[in-house]
Amino acid sequence: MAASEPEAETASGTGAAATVRNDRRSEAKPVLVAIDMQAIFEPPSPWGAPDYATASAGIQRLLPAFGGDAIFTRFVAPERPRGAWVPYYEQWAFALVPDDDPLYALSEPFRDLAPHLETRPTFGKWDAAFEAAMGGSTEMVLTGVSTDCCVISTALAAADAGVHVRVVADACAGISPADHQRALDAMALYGPLIEITSVDEVLAGK
């Protein structure tokens, strides 16, 4: 195997925290994406992720390395569920509220740290508008909740579209620790399109 090319500095800053490996990477600067860091996914909500606080702390550690910039997303209920969403919201009636309900608000401290917000009534957030929000970058650093639902749905669609996705395991949380790990293991099968990494590795430029 040929030796890897040297690390390259990105436009997001200087130093180790602002570098990405060049071996099979796009030159476009990586984009930090935080999936659905909302009140509805915090305990004790029925959809609460037990390790939500861990994911939140990981995202807060990453933000300075990206100049405080990230694409945040929100999941919201559709105004009128259709198709398979009808029985879904019959099962989860508590979540069938308007998108301005406090349940769907970003949790603290992200309400004041999310200049770019993408809202969707779908688990997966990737679509043409999201691709445009990436600004031409094909490098995504993916975080958020829940690993086994909205994170994996976004990762697979983005990877199919040619985006290199780095899923930051300790800046994500699942509906349970076991489901979190199962989702990470499933996404790892898609390497090298999808890679599993950690906050420390991202900050070290690995």
N, C-alpha and C. Protein backbone atom coordinates (compact mmCIF):
# COMPACT_ATOMS: atom_id res chain seq x y z
N MET A 1 0.86 -1.20 0.00
CA MET A 1 0.00 0.00 0.00
C MET A 1 0.89 1.24 0.00
N ALA A 2 0.54 2.18 -0.84
CA ALA A 2 1.32 3.40 -0.91
C ALA A 2 1.17 4.21 0.37
N ALA A 3 2.20 4.95 0.71
CA ALA A 3 2.13 5.79 1.92
C ALA A 3 1.10 6.88 1.73
N SER A 4 0.45 7.25 2.83
CA SER A 4 -0.55 8.31 2.79
C SER A 4 0.12 9.64 2.50
N GLU A 5 -0.60 10.51 1.81
CA GLU A 5 -0.09 11.85 1.56
C GLU A 5 -0.10 12.64 2.84
N PRO A 6 0.68 13.71 2.93
CA PRO A 6 0.69 14.51 4.17
C PRO A 6 -0.65 15.14 4.45
N GLU A 7 -0.84 15.48 5.73
CA GLU A 7 -2.07 16.13 6.11
C GLU A 7 -2.13 17.53 5.51
N ALA A 8 -3.35 17.96 5.20
CA ALA A 8 -3.53 19.28 4.59
C ALA A 8 -4.38 20.15 5.49
N GLU A 9 -3.99 21.43 5.59
CA GLU A 9 -4.75 22.37 6.40
C GLU A 9 -6.02 22.77 5.66
N THR A 10 -7.12 22.89 6.40
CA THR A 10 -8.38 23.28 5.80
C THR A 10 -8.68 24.73 6.10
N ALA A 11 -9.71 25.24 5.43
CA ALA A 11 -10.10 26.64 5.62
C ALA A 11 -10.77 26.89 6.95
N SER A 12 -11.06 25.82 7.70
CA SER A 12 -11.80 26.01 8.95
C SER A 12 -10.93 26.53 10.08
N GLY A 13 -9.61 26.61 9.89
CA GLY A 13 -8.77 27.14 10.95
C GLY A 13 -7.35 26.67 10.77
N THR A 14 -6.55 26.72 11.84
CA THR A 14 -5.18 26.28 11.77
C THR A 14 -4.91 25.29 12.87
N GLY A 15 -3.81 24.56 12.70
CA GLY A 15 -3.42 23.61 13.73
C GLY A 15 -4.05 22.26 13.50
N ALA A 16 -3.73 21.33 14.42
CA ALA A 16 -4.16 19.95 14.26
C ALA A 16 -5.66 19.80 14.18
N ALA A 17 -6.40 20.61 14.93
CA ALA A 17 -7.85 20.46 14.95
C ALA A 17 -8.49 20.86 13.63
N ALA A 18 -7.75 21.52 12.76
CA ALA A 18 -8.32 22.01 11.51
C ALA A 18 -7.74 21.28 10.31
N THR A 19 -7.24 20.04 10.51
CA THR A 19 -6.65 19.29 9.40
C THR A 19 -7.44 18.05 9.12
N VAL A 20 -7.38 17.61 7.87
CA VAL A 20 -8.00 16.35 7.48
C VAL A 20 -6.99 15.58 6.67
N ARG A 21 -7.09 14.27 6.74
CA ARG A 21 -6.19 13.46 5.94
C ARG A 21 -6.50 13.63 4.47
N ASN A 22 -5.45 13.54 3.66
CA ASN A 22 -5.57 13.83 2.25
C ASN A 22 -5.61 12.57 1.39
N ASP A 23 -5.50 11.36 2.01
CA ASP A 23 -5.30 10.15 1.24
C ASP A 23 -6.45 9.87 0.29
N ARG A 24 -7.69 10.02 0.73
CA ARG A 24 -8.82 9.81 -0.16
C ARG A 24 -9.92 10.82 0.15
N ARG A 25 -9.52 12.05 0.47
CA ARG A 25 -10.44 13.08 0.87
C ARG A 25 -10.63 14.13 -0.22
N SER A 26 -11.77 14.75 -0.23
CA SER A 26 -11.98 15.94 -1.05
C SER A 26 -11.20 17.10 -0.44
N GLU A 27 -10.83 18.07 -1.28
CA GLU A 27 -10.15 19.25 -0.76
C GLU A 27 -11.13 20.22 -0.10
N ALA A 28 -12.44 20.03 -0.32
CA ALA A 28 -13.43 20.91 0.30
C ALA A 28 -13.37 20.76 1.80
N LYS A 29 -13.63 21.86 2.51
CA LYS A 29 -13.51 21.79 3.96
C LYS A 29 -14.65 20.95 4.54
N PRO A 30 -14.36 20.17 5.57
CA PRO A 30 -15.40 19.34 6.20
C PRO A 30 -16.49 20.20 6.82
N VAL A 31 -17.69 19.68 6.81
CA VAL A 31 -18.84 20.36 7.40
C VAL A 31 -19.32 19.56 8.60
N LEU A 32 -19.43 20.23 9.74
CA LEU A 32 -19.96 19.60 10.93
C LEU A 32 -21.49 19.61 10.86
N VAL A 33 -22.10 18.44 11.07
CA VAL A 33 -23.55 18.31 11.03
C VAL A 33 -24.02 17.74 12.36
N ALA A 34 -24.99 18.40 12.98
CA ALA A 34 -25.55 17.96 14.27
C ALA A 34 -27.02 17.63 14.06
N ILE A 35 -27.33 16.36 14.16
CA ILE A 35 -28.68 15.86 13.86
C ILE A 35 -29.57 15.93 15.10
N ASP A 36 -30.65 16.70 15.01
CA ASP A 36 -31.81 16.64 15.89
C ASP A 36 -31.49 16.76 17.39
N MET A 37 -30.67 17.75 17.73
CA MET A 37 -30.39 17.98 19.15
C MET A 37 -31.53 18.81 19.74
N GLN A 38 -32.63 18.11 20.02
CA GLN A 38 -33.90 18.73 20.39
C GLN A 38 -34.42 18.20 21.71
N ALA A 39 -35.30 18.99 22.31
CA ALA A 39 -35.88 18.61 23.60
C ALA A 39 -36.57 17.25 23.54
N ILE A 40 -37.20 16.93 22.42
CA ILE A 40 -37.96 15.69 22.31
C ILE A 40 -37.07 14.44 22.41
N PHE A 41 -35.78 14.62 22.19
CA PHE A 41 -34.86 13.48 22.26
C PHE A 41 -34.04 13.45 23.55
N GLU A 42 -34.36 14.36 24.47
CA GLU A 42 -33.73 14.35 25.78
C GLU A 42 -34.57 13.55 26.76
N PRO A 43 -33.95 12.76 27.64
CA PRO A 43 -34.74 12.15 28.74
C PRO A 43 -35.39 13.24 29.56
N PRO A 44 -36.62 13.04 30.08
CA PRO A 44 -37.37 11.78 30.13
C PRO A 44 -38.39 11.61 29.01
N SER A 45 -38.22 12.29 27.88
CA SER A 45 -39.13 12.12 26.76
C SER A 45 -39.21 10.64 26.37
N PRO A 46 -40.35 10.17 25.89
CA PRO A 46 -40.44 8.78 25.40
C PRO A 46 -39.43 8.48 24.30
N TRP A 47 -38.97 9.52 23.61
CA TRP A 47 -37.95 9.33 22.58
C TRP A 47 -36.56 9.71 23.10
N GLY A 48 -36.43 9.91 24.38
CA GLY A 48 -35.16 10.36 24.93
C GLY A 48 -34.04 9.35 24.77
N ALA A 49 -32.87 9.83 24.38
CA ALA A 49 -31.67 9.00 24.28
C ALA A 49 -30.92 9.07 25.61
N PRO A 50 -30.69 7.94 26.26
CA PRO A 50 -30.05 7.97 27.59
C PRO A 50 -28.72 8.71 27.62
N ASP A 51 -27.96 8.64 26.54
CA ASP A 51 -26.64 9.30 26.50
C ASP A 51 -26.68 10.62 25.75
N TYR A 52 -27.85 11.26 25.72
CA TYR A 52 -28.00 12.54 25.03
C TYR A 52 -26.97 13.56 25.53
N ALA A 53 -26.77 13.62 26.84
CA ALA A 53 -25.83 14.60 27.41
C ALA A 53 -24.42 14.37 26.89
N THR A 54 -24.03 13.11 26.68
CA THR A 54 -22.70 12.80 26.15
C THR A 54 -22.56 13.30 24.73
N ALA A 55 -23.60 13.07 23.92
CA ALA A 55 -23.57 13.56 22.55
C ALA A 55 -23.49 15.08 22.53
N SER A 56 -24.26 15.74 23.38
CA SER A 56 -24.25 17.19 23.45
C SER A 56 -22.87 17.72 23.81
N ALA A 57 -22.24 17.10 24.79
CA ALA A 57 -20.90 17.53 25.20
C ALA A 57 -19.90 17.35 24.07
N GLY A 58 -20.01 16.25 23.33
CA GLY A 58 -19.11 16.01 22.22
C GLY A 58 -19.25 17.06 21.13
N ILE A 59 -20.48 17.42 20.80
CA ILE A 59 -20.71 18.45 19.78
C ILE A 59 -20.16 19.79 20.25
N GLN A 60 -20.34 20.10 21.53
CA GLN A 60 -19.82 21.37 22.05
C GLN A 60 -18.30 21.41 21.99
N ARG A 61 -17.64 20.27 22.15
CA ARG A 61 -16.18 20.22 22.02
C ARG A 61 -15.75 20.41 20.57
N LEU A 62 -16.55 19.92 19.63
CA LEU A 62 -16.18 20.00 18.23
C LEU A 62 -16.40 21.38 17.62
N LEU A 63 -17.42 22.07 18.07
CA LEU A 63 -17.80 23.33 17.43
C LEU A 63 -16.66 24.33 17.27
N PRO A 64 -15.82 24.57 18.28
CA PRO A 64 -14.75 25.56 18.08
C PRO A 64 -13.79 25.19 16.95
N ALA A 65 -13.56 23.90 16.72
CA ALA A 65 -12.66 23.47 15.66
C ALA A 65 -13.23 23.75 14.28
N PHE A 66 -14.54 23.99 14.21
CA PHE A 66 -15.21 24.31 12.95
C PHE A 66 -15.63 25.78 12.92
N GLY A 67 -14.93 26.58 13.70
CA GLY A 67 -15.21 28.00 13.73
C GLY A 67 -16.57 28.32 14.30
N GLY A 68 -17.11 27.40 15.11
CA GLY A 68 -18.44 27.60 15.69
C GLY A 68 -19.56 27.36 14.70
N ASP A 69 -19.22 26.88 13.49
CA ASP A 69 -20.21 26.73 12.44
C ASP A 69 -20.59 25.26 12.26
N ALA A 70 -21.88 25.01 12.09
CA ALA A 70 -22.38 23.66 11.86
C ALA A 70 -23.75 23.76 11.24
N ILE A 71 -24.14 22.71 10.55
CA ILE A 71 -25.52 22.57 10.11
C ILE A 71 -26.26 21.79 11.18
N PHE A 72 -27.23 22.41 11.82
CA PHE A 72 -28.08 21.73 12.78
C PHE A 72 -29.38 21.34 12.07
N THR A 73 -29.94 20.22 12.48
CA THR A 73 -31.21 19.79 11.90
C THR A 73 -32.26 19.65 12.99
N ARG A 74 -33.53 19.70 12.57
CA ARG A 74 -34.66 19.41 13.46
C ARG A 74 -35.57 18.41 12.77
N PHE A 75 -36.01 17.42 13.54
CA PHE A 75 -37.09 16.55 13.11
C PHE A 75 -38.40 17.15 13.62
N VAL A 76 -39.42 17.20 12.76
CA VAL A 76 -40.74 17.67 13.17
C VAL A 76 -41.79 16.73 12.60
N ALA A 77 -42.95 16.74 13.21
CA ALA A 77 -44.06 15.93 12.70
C ALA A 77 -44.69 16.61 11.49
N PRO A 78 -45.18 15.82 10.54
CA PRO A 78 -45.91 16.43 9.42
C PRO A 78 -47.24 16.98 9.89
N GLU A 79 -47.74 17.98 9.17
CA GLU A 79 -49.03 18.54 9.54
C GLU A 79 -50.13 17.48 9.46
N ARG A 80 -50.07 16.66 8.41
CA ARG A 80 -51.03 15.56 8.23
C ARG A 80 -50.25 14.32 7.82
N PRO A 81 -50.05 13.39 8.73
CA PRO A 81 -49.33 12.16 8.37
C PRO A 81 -50.01 11.43 7.22
N ARG A 82 -49.19 10.81 6.38
CA ARG A 82 -49.70 10.05 5.25
C ARG A 82 -49.03 8.69 5.20
N GLY A 83 -49.72 7.74 4.58
CA GLY A 83 -49.13 6.42 4.39
C GLY A 83 -48.76 5.76 5.69
N ALA A 84 -47.55 5.20 5.73
CA ALA A 84 -47.08 4.48 6.91
C ALA A 84 -46.88 5.38 8.12
N TRP A 85 -46.82 6.71 7.88
CA TRP A 85 -46.69 7.63 9.01
C TRP A 85 -47.97 7.69 9.84
N VAL A 86 -49.11 7.31 9.26
CA VAL A 86 -50.38 7.37 10.02
C VAL A 86 -50.33 6.45 11.23
N PRO A 87 -50.08 5.13 11.05
CA PRO A 87 -49.99 4.28 12.24
C PRO A 87 -48.81 4.61 13.13
N TYR A 88 -47.74 5.17 12.54
CA TYR A 88 -46.59 5.57 13.34
C TYR A 88 -47.00 6.60 14.38
N TYR A 89 -47.70 7.63 13.94
CA TYR A 89 -48.11 8.69 14.88
C TYR A 89 -49.31 8.28 15.72
N GLU A 90 -50.01 7.23 15.33
CA GLU A 90 -51.00 6.67 16.25
C GLU A 90 -50.29 6.03 17.44
N GLN A 91 -49.14 5.45 17.18
CA GLN A 91 -48.35 4.85 18.26
C GLN A 91 -47.64 5.92 19.10
N TRP A 92 -47.23 7.01 18.45
CA TRP A 92 -46.47 8.06 19.13
C TRP A 92 -47.25 9.37 19.08
N ALA A 93 -48.48 9.35 19.57
CA ALA A 93 -49.37 10.51 19.46
C ALA A 93 -48.81 11.75 20.17
N PHE A 94 -47.98 11.57 21.19
CA PHE A 94 -47.45 12.71 21.93
C PHE A 94 -46.62 13.62 21.02
N ALA A 95 -46.05 13.04 19.95
CA ALA A 95 -45.15 13.79 19.07
C ALA A 95 -45.88 14.48 17.93
N LEU A 96 -47.16 14.25 17.78
CA LEU A 96 -47.91 14.86 16.68
C LEU A 96 -48.37 16.26 17.11
N VAL A 97 -47.42 17.16 17.18
CA VAL A 97 -47.66 18.55 17.59
C VAL A 97 -47.04 19.46 16.55
N PRO A 98 -47.44 20.74 16.51
CA PRO A 98 -46.87 21.68 15.53
C PRO A 98 -45.36 21.82 15.68
N ASP A 99 -44.72 22.22 14.60
CA ASP A 99 -43.25 22.28 14.65
C ASP A 99 -42.72 23.40 15.52
N ASP A 100 -43.61 24.33 15.97
CA ASP A 100 -43.16 25.36 16.91
C ASP A 100 -43.41 24.97 18.36
N ASP A 101 -43.84 23.73 18.58
CA ASP A 101 -44.02 23.25 19.95
C ASP A 101 -42.66 23.14 20.63
N PRO A 102 -42.59 23.43 21.94
CA PRO A 102 -41.31 23.33 22.65
C PRO A 102 -40.62 21.97 22.53
N LEU A 103 -41.40 20.91 22.32
CA LEU A 103 -40.79 19.59 22.14
C LEU A 103 -39.79 19.58 20.99
N TYR A 104 -40.08 20.35 19.96
CA TYR A 104 -39.25 20.32 18.77
C TYR A 104 -38.20 21.42 18.74
N ALA A 105 -38.08 22.18 19.81
CA ALA A 105 -37.05 23.21 19.88
C ALA A 105 -35.67 22.57 20.08
N LEU A 106 -34.65 23.23 19.57
CA LEU A 106 -33.29 22.79 19.88
C LEU A 106 -33.07 22.92 21.37
N SER A 107 -32.32 22.00 21.93
CA SER A 107 -32.03 22.05 23.35
C SER A 107 -30.87 23.01 23.61
N GLU A 108 -30.75 23.41 24.87
CA GLU A 108 -29.63 24.26 25.25
C GLU A 108 -28.34 23.45 25.20
N PRO A 109 -27.22 24.07 24.79
CA PRO A 109 -27.04 25.48 24.44
C PRO A 109 -27.18 25.77 22.95
N PHE A 110 -27.74 24.82 22.20
CA PHE A 110 -27.67 24.93 20.74
C PHE A 110 -28.65 25.95 20.15
N ARG A 111 -29.64 26.38 20.94
CA ARG A 111 -30.59 27.37 20.41
C ARG A 111 -29.89 28.64 19.96
N ASP A 112 -28.80 28.97 20.62
CA ASP A 112 -28.07 30.20 20.30
C ASP A 112 -26.81 29.92 19.47
N LEU A 113 -26.62 28.65 19.06
CA LEU A 113 -25.40 28.28 18.36
C LEU A 113 -25.70 27.65 17.01
N ALA A 114 -26.89 27.87 16.48
CA ALA A 114 -27.30 27.19 15.25
C ALA A 114 -27.71 28.21 14.19
N PRO A 115 -26.73 28.89 13.57
CA PRO A 115 -27.09 29.86 12.54
C PRO A 115 -27.67 29.22 11.29
N HIS A 116 -27.33 27.93 11.08
CA HIS A 116 -27.84 27.22 9.90
C HIS A 116 -28.68 26.04 10.37
N LEU A 117 -29.98 26.11 10.11
CA LEU A 117 -30.91 25.10 10.61
C LEU A 117 -31.71 24.51 9.46
N GLU A 118 -31.72 23.19 9.37
CA GLU A 118 -32.49 22.46 8.37
C GLU A 118 -33.56 21.65 9.08
N THR A 119 -34.82 21.87 8.73
CA THR A 119 -35.94 21.20 9.38
C THR A 119 -36.61 20.25 8.40
N ARG A 120 -36.86 19.00 8.83
CA ARG A 120 -37.46 18.00 7.96
C ARG A 120 -38.45 17.15 8.76
N PRO A 121 -39.53 16.66 8.13
CA PRO A 121 -40.44 15.73 8.79
C PRO A 121 -40.07 14.28 8.50
N THR A 122 -38.79 14.05 8.24
CA THR A 122 -38.30 12.73 7.88
C THR A 122 -37.10 12.37 8.75
N PHE A 123 -36.88 11.06 8.92
CA PHE A 123 -35.72 10.62 9.69
C PHE A 123 -34.43 11.06 9.01
N GLY A 124 -34.28 10.71 7.74
CA GLY A 124 -33.11 11.12 6.99
C GLY A 124 -33.22 12.58 6.58
N LYS A 125 -32.14 13.32 6.70
CA LYS A 125 -32.17 14.74 6.39
C LYS A 125 -31.57 15.07 5.03
N TRP A 126 -30.93 14.09 4.40
CA TRP A 126 -30.23 14.36 3.15
C TRP A 126 -31.22 14.52 2.00
N ASP A 127 -31.12 15.63 1.28
CA ASP A 127 -31.88 15.86 0.07
C ASP A 127 -31.15 16.95 -0.71
N ALA A 128 -31.75 17.42 -1.82
CA ALA A 128 -31.07 18.41 -2.65
C ALA A 128 -30.79 19.70 -1.88
N ALA A 129 -31.73 20.11 -1.02
CA ALA A 129 -31.53 21.33 -0.25
C ALA A 129 -30.39 21.17 0.76
N PHE A 130 -30.29 19.98 1.36
CA PHE A 130 -29.21 19.75 2.32
C PHE A 130 -27.87 19.73 1.59
N GLU A 131 -27.85 19.11 0.41
CA GLU A 131 -26.63 19.09 -0.38
C GLU A 131 -26.18 20.52 -0.69
N ALA A 132 -27.13 21.38 -1.03
CA ALA A 132 -26.80 22.78 -1.29
C ALA A 132 -26.25 23.46 -0.04
N ALA A 133 -26.81 23.11 1.13
CA ALA A 133 -26.34 23.70 2.38
C ALA A 133 -24.90 23.30 2.70
N MET A 134 -24.46 22.16 2.15
CA MET A 134 -23.08 21.71 2.35
C MET A 134 -22.09 22.58 1.58
N GLY A 135 -22.58 23.42 0.68
CA GLY A 135 -21.71 24.37 -0.01
C GLY A 135 -20.67 23.74 -0.92
N GLY A 136 -20.99 22.57 -1.47
CA GLY A 136 -20.05 21.91 -2.37
C GLY A 136 -19.12 20.93 -1.68
N SER A 137 -19.10 20.91 -0.38
CA SER A 137 -18.23 19.98 0.35
C SER A 137 -18.76 18.55 0.23
N THR A 138 -17.86 17.62 0.10
CA THR A 138 -18.22 16.20 0.14
C THR A 138 -17.58 15.52 1.35
N GLU A 139 -17.37 16.33 2.39
CA GLU A 139 -16.82 15.83 3.65
C GLU A 139 -17.76 16.21 4.79
N MET A 140 -18.39 15.22 5.38
CA MET A 140 -19.34 15.46 6.48
C MET A 140 -18.82 14.84 7.77
N VAL A 141 -18.82 15.62 8.84
CA VAL A 141 -18.52 15.12 10.18
C VAL A 141 -19.87 15.07 10.89
N LEU A 142 -20.37 13.86 11.12
CA LEU A 142 -21.77 13.66 11.51
C LEU A 142 -21.90 13.34 12.99
N THR A 143 -22.80 14.06 13.65
CA THR A 143 -23.05 13.89 15.08
C THR A 143 -24.56 13.94 15.33
N GLY A 144 -24.98 13.66 16.57
CA GLY A 144 -26.37 13.88 16.94
C GLY A 144 -27.11 12.64 17.36
N VAL A 145 -28.44 12.72 17.29
CA VAL A 145 -29.32 11.64 17.76
C VAL A 145 -30.43 11.40 16.73
N SER A 146 -31.02 10.22 16.79
CA SER A 146 -30.42 9.11 17.46
C SER A 146 -29.62 8.30 16.45
N THR A 147 -28.55 7.71 16.94
CA THR A 147 -27.64 6.98 16.07
C THR A 147 -28.37 5.95 15.23
N ASP A 148 -29.34 5.27 15.84
CA ASP A 148 -30.03 4.15 15.21
C ASP A 148 -31.25 4.57 14.40
N CYS A 149 -31.45 5.87 14.22
CA CYS A 149 -32.60 6.33 13.44
C CYS A 149 -32.19 7.46 12.50
N CYS A 150 -32.25 8.68 12.98
CA CYS A 150 -32.01 9.83 12.09
C CYS A 150 -30.55 9.96 11.66
N VAL A 151 -29.61 9.56 12.52
CA VAL A 151 -28.20 9.65 12.15
C VAL A 151 -27.88 8.65 11.05
N ILE A 152 -28.25 7.39 11.25
CA ILE A 152 -27.94 6.38 10.23
C ILE A 152 -28.69 6.64 8.94
N SER A 153 -29.92 7.13 9.03
CA SER A 153 -30.69 7.43 7.82
C SER A 153 -30.03 8.53 7.00
N THR A 154 -29.48 9.53 7.68
CA THR A 154 -28.79 10.61 7.00
C THR A 154 -27.46 10.15 6.44
N ALA A 155 -26.73 9.37 7.21
CA ALA A 155 -25.40 8.91 6.78
C ALA A 155 -25.48 8.07 5.51
N LEU A 156 -26.41 7.14 5.45
CA LEU A 156 -26.48 6.25 4.30
C LEU A 156 -26.87 7.01 3.03
N ALA A 157 -27.82 7.93 3.14
CA ALA A 157 -28.24 8.69 1.96
C ALA A 157 -27.12 9.61 1.48
N ALA A 158 -26.42 10.26 2.42
CA ALA A 158 -25.32 11.14 2.04
C ALA A 158 -24.20 10.35 1.38
N ALA A 159 -23.87 9.20 1.94
CA ALA A 159 -22.82 8.36 1.36
C ALA A 159 -23.19 7.91 -0.05
N ASP A 160 -24.45 7.55 -0.25
CA ASP A 160 -24.91 7.17 -1.59
C ASP A 160 -24.74 8.30 -2.58
N ALA A 161 -24.81 9.53 -2.09
CA ALA A 161 -24.67 10.71 -2.96
C ALA A 161 -23.21 11.09 -3.17
N GLY A 162 -22.28 10.32 -2.61
CA GLY A 162 -20.86 10.58 -2.83
C GLY A 162 -20.19 11.40 -1.75
N VAL A 163 -20.84 11.54 -0.61
CA VAL A 163 -20.25 12.27 0.51
C VAL A 163 -19.47 11.31 1.40
N HIS A 164 -18.28 11.69 1.77
CA HIS A 164 -17.52 10.92 2.74
C HIS A 164 -17.99 11.32 4.13
N VAL A 165 -18.56 10.38 4.86
CA VAL A 165 -19.20 10.66 6.15
C VAL A 165 -18.34 10.09 7.28
N ARG A 166 -17.96 10.97 8.21
CA ARG A 166 -17.28 10.52 9.43
C ARG A 166 -18.27 10.64 10.58
N VAL A 167 -18.69 9.51 11.11
CA VAL A 167 -19.66 9.48 12.21
C VAL A 167 -18.88 9.51 13.52
N VAL A 168 -19.12 10.54 14.31
CA VAL A 168 -18.37 10.73 15.56
C VAL A 168 -19.11 9.98 16.66
N ALA A 169 -18.62 8.80 17.00
CA ALA A 169 -19.35 7.89 17.87
C ALA A 169 -19.70 8.50 19.22
N ASP A 170 -18.76 9.23 19.83
CA ASP A 170 -19.01 9.78 21.16
C ASP A 170 -19.64 11.17 21.11
N ALA A 171 -20.08 11.59 19.91
CA ALA A 171 -20.90 12.79 19.78
C ALA A 171 -22.26 12.41 19.19
N CYS A 172 -22.59 11.13 19.32
CA CYS A 172 -23.90 10.60 18.92
C CYS A 172 -24.48 9.83 20.10
N ALA A 173 -25.78 9.61 20.08
CA ALA A 173 -26.43 8.81 21.12
C ALA A 173 -27.61 8.08 20.49
N GLY A 174 -27.84 6.85 20.95
CA GLY A 174 -28.95 6.05 20.45
C GLY A 174 -30.04 5.91 21.48
N ILE A 175 -31.09 5.24 21.07
CA ILE A 175 -32.23 5.04 21.97
C ILE A 175 -31.85 4.12 23.13
N SER A 176 -30.76 3.39 22.96
CA SER A 176 -30.14 2.62 24.05
C SER A 176 -28.67 2.43 23.67
N PRO A 177 -27.80 2.16 24.64
CA PRO A 177 -26.39 1.93 24.30
C PRO A 177 -26.21 0.79 23.31
N ALA A 178 -27.01 -0.27 23.44
CA ALA A 178 -26.90 -1.40 22.52
C ALA A 178 -27.31 -1.01 21.11
N ASP A 179 -28.41 -0.25 20.98
CA ASP A 179 -28.85 0.18 19.66
C ASP A 179 -27.86 1.16 19.03
N HIS A 180 -27.28 2.01 19.85
CA HIS A 180 -26.22 2.92 19.39
C HIS A 180 -25.08 2.13 18.77
N GLN A 181 -24.62 1.10 19.47
CA GLN A 181 -23.49 0.31 18.96
C GLN A 181 -23.87 -0.47 17.72
N ARG A 182 -25.09 -1.02 17.68
CA ARG A 182 -25.52 -1.76 16.49
C ARG A 182 -25.55 -0.85 15.26
N ALA A 183 -26.01 0.38 15.44
CA ALA A 183 -26.04 1.32 14.32
C ALA A 183 -24.63 1.67 13.86
N LEU A 184 -23.72 1.89 14.80
CA LEU A 184 -22.34 2.17 14.43
C LEU A 184 -21.73 1.00 13.66
N ASP A 185 -22.00 -0.22 14.13
CA ASP A 185 -21.47 -1.40 13.44
C ASP A 185 -22.03 -1.51 12.03
N ALA A 186 -23.32 -1.20 11.87
CA ALA A 186 -23.93 -1.27 10.54
C ALA A 186 -23.30 -0.23 9.61
N MET A 187 -23.12 0.99 10.10
CA MET A 187 -22.53 2.03 9.26
C MET A 187 -21.08 1.73 8.90
N ALA A 188 -20.36 1.08 9.81
CA ALA A 188 -18.97 0.74 9.55
C ALA A 188 -18.84 -0.20 8.35
N LEU A 189 -19.90 -0.96 8.07
CA LEU A 189 -19.88 -1.87 6.92
C LEU A 189 -19.78 -1.11 5.60
N TYR A 190 -20.10 0.18 5.62
CA TYR A 190 -20.10 0.98 4.40
C TYR A 190 -18.77 1.68 4.14
N GLY A 191 -17.74 1.33 4.94
CA GLY A 191 -16.44 1.94 4.72
C GLY A 191 -15.90 1.60 3.33
N PRO A 192 -15.12 2.48 2.73
CA PRO A 192 -14.64 3.76 3.26
C PRO A 192 -15.60 4.94 3.04
N LEU A 193 -16.78 4.69 2.47
CA LEU A 193 -17.73 5.80 2.32
C LEU A 193 -18.10 6.39 3.67
N ILE A 194 -18.28 5.52 4.67
CA ILE A 194 -18.61 5.95 6.03
C ILE A 194 -17.51 5.43 6.95
N GLU A 195 -17.00 6.27 7.82
CA GLU A 195 -16.02 5.87 8.82
C GLU A 195 -16.52 6.26 10.20
N ILE A 196 -16.20 5.44 11.17
CA ILE A 196 -16.54 5.73 12.56
C ILE A 196 -15.31 6.32 13.24
N THR A 197 -15.50 7.44 13.91
CA THR A 197 -14.38 8.13 14.53
C THR A 197 -14.79 8.60 15.92
N SER A 198 -13.96 9.41 16.54
CA SER A 198 -14.24 9.94 17.88
C SER A 198 -13.96 11.43 17.90
N VAL A 199 -14.45 12.10 18.93
CA VAL A 199 -14.17 13.53 19.08
C VAL A 199 -12.68 13.78 19.12
N ASP A 200 -11.95 13.01 19.91
CA ASP A 200 -10.51 13.21 20.02
C ASP A 200 -9.82 13.07 18.67
N GLU A 201 -10.24 12.07 17.89
CA GLU A 201 -9.61 11.86 16.59
C GLU A 201 -9.90 13.01 15.63
N VAL A 202 -11.13 13.52 15.64
CA VAL A 202 -11.45 14.66 14.78
C VAL A 202 -10.62 15.87 15.18
N LEU A 203 -10.52 16.13 16.48
CA LEU A 203 -9.77 17.29 16.95
C LEU A 203 -8.27 17.15 16.69
N ALA A 204 -7.80 15.90 16.62
CA ALA A 204 -6.37 15.66 16.34
C ALA A 204 -6.10 15.62 14.84
N GLY A 205 -7.14 15.73 14.02
CA GLY A 205 -6.95 15.71 12.58
C GLY A 205 -6.73 14.34 12.01
N LYS A 206 -7.16 13.28 12.72
CA LYS A 206 -6.98 11.92 12.24
C LYS A 206 -8.18 11.44 11.47
